[in-house]
Amino acid sequence: MNNTLSFAKSLGVDPIAVYVGFDEKPIDKMEKKWEEWGTPCRLVVLRSKYRSILEPLIRHKDIVITTVPYHLKH
């Protein structure tokens, strides 16, 4: 994550992290982790009822997307 944020900041933009969550528990977990990491940039949480990643992102079409695989292990 740090490499991705560093790269985005080097382009002279304010990066926005996007997290697509399906249930409240994982969303809460991600928001807590984000705070633990020092809130490195703005975090936008999109909720998806149908376990779809594309549908919530399409609703926010102004977002330029770079995907970084990451799985919360804690």
Protein backbone atom coordinates (compact mmCIF):
# COMPACT_ATOMS: atom_id res chain seq x y z
CA MET A 1 0.00 0.00 0.00
CA ASN A 2 2.78 2.45 0.85
CA ASN A 3 4.42 2.03 -2.55
CA THR A 4 1.14 2.69 -4.31
CA LEU A 5 0.45 5.81 -2.25
CA SER A 6 3.99 7.08 -2.77
CA PHE A 7 3.62 6.60 -6.52
CA ALA A 8 0.27 8.40 -6.62
CA LYS A 9 1.63 11.31 -4.57
CA SER A 10 4.67 11.55 -6.86
CA LEU A 11 2.25 12.29 -9.72
CA GLY A 12 1.16 15.41 -7.89
CA VAL A 13 -2.33 14.19 -7.04
CA ASP A 14 -4.12 13.58 -3.77
CA PRO A 15 -4.86 9.85 -3.86
CA ILE A 16 -8.17 8.47 -2.70
CA ALA A 17 -8.37 4.89 -1.47
CA VAL A 18 -11.57 3.01 -2.30
CA TYR A 19 -12.78 0.02 -0.33
CA VAL A 20 -15.81 -1.97 -1.49
CA GLY A 21 -17.45 -3.79 1.39
CA PHE A 22 -20.29 -6.25 1.50
CA ASP A 23 -20.98 -6.49 5.23
CA GLU A 24 -20.65 -4.03 8.11
CA LYS A 25 -18.11 -6.10 10.07
CA PRO A 26 -15.39 -6.10 7.36
CA ILE A 27 -16.12 -2.45 6.61
CA ASP A 28 -15.64 -1.52 10.27
CA LYS A 29 -12.45 -3.59 10.33
CA MET A 30 -11.06 -1.76 7.31
CA GLU A 31 -11.92 1.66 8.74
CA LYS A 32 -10.16 0.77 12.02
CA LYS A 33 -7.10 -0.52 10.14
CA TRP A 34 -7.05 2.69 8.10
CA GLU A 35 -6.97 4.74 11.30
CA GLU A 36 -4.20 2.51 12.70
CA TRP A 37 -2.19 3.18 9.54
CA GLY A 38 -2.45 6.90 10.24
CA THR A 39 -5.09 7.69 7.61
CA PRO A 40 -2.52 7.97 4.79
CA CYS A 41 -5.12 9.48 2.43
CA ARG A 42 -8.85 9.84 2.10
CA LEU A 43 -10.72 6.53 2.31
CA VAL A 44 -14.00 6.14 0.45
CA VAL A 45 -16.06 3.12 1.50
CA LEU A 46 -18.57 1.84 -1.01
CA ARG A 47 -21.18 -0.65 0.10
CA SER A 48 -22.36 -3.38 -2.22
CA LYS A 49 -25.47 -5.42 -1.54
CA TYR A 50 -24.81 -8.09 -4.13
CA ARG A 51 -21.09 -8.80 -3.66
CA SER A 52 -20.40 -6.83 -6.78
CA ILE A 53 -17.29 -4.70 -7.03
CA LEU A 54 -18.06 -3.16 -10.41
CA GLU A 55 -21.55 -1.83 -9.69
CA PRO A 56 -20.50 0.49 -6.82
CA LEU A 57 -17.47 1.68 -8.78
CA ILE A 58 -19.56 2.44 -11.85
CA ARG A 59 -21.77 4.67 -9.69
CA HIS A 60 -18.62 6.66 -8.86
CA LYS A 61 -17.29 6.98 -12.38
CA ASP A 62 -15.10 10.01 -11.60
CA ILE A 63 -12.73 7.71 -9.71
CA VAL A 64 -9.58 6.58 -11.49
CA ILE A 65 -8.92 3.07 -10.31
CA THR A 66 -5.65 1.36 -9.56
CA THR A 67 -6.05 -2.02 -7.95
CA VAL A 68 -3.66 -3.36 -5.37
CA PRO A 69 -4.38 -6.83 -4.02
CA TYR A 70 -4.56 -6.76 -0.28
CA HIS A 71 -6.14 -9.04 2.27
CA LEU A 72 -6.63 -8.07 5.89
CA LYS A 73 -5.02 -10.78 7.98
CA HIS A 74 -5.56 -9.31 11.45
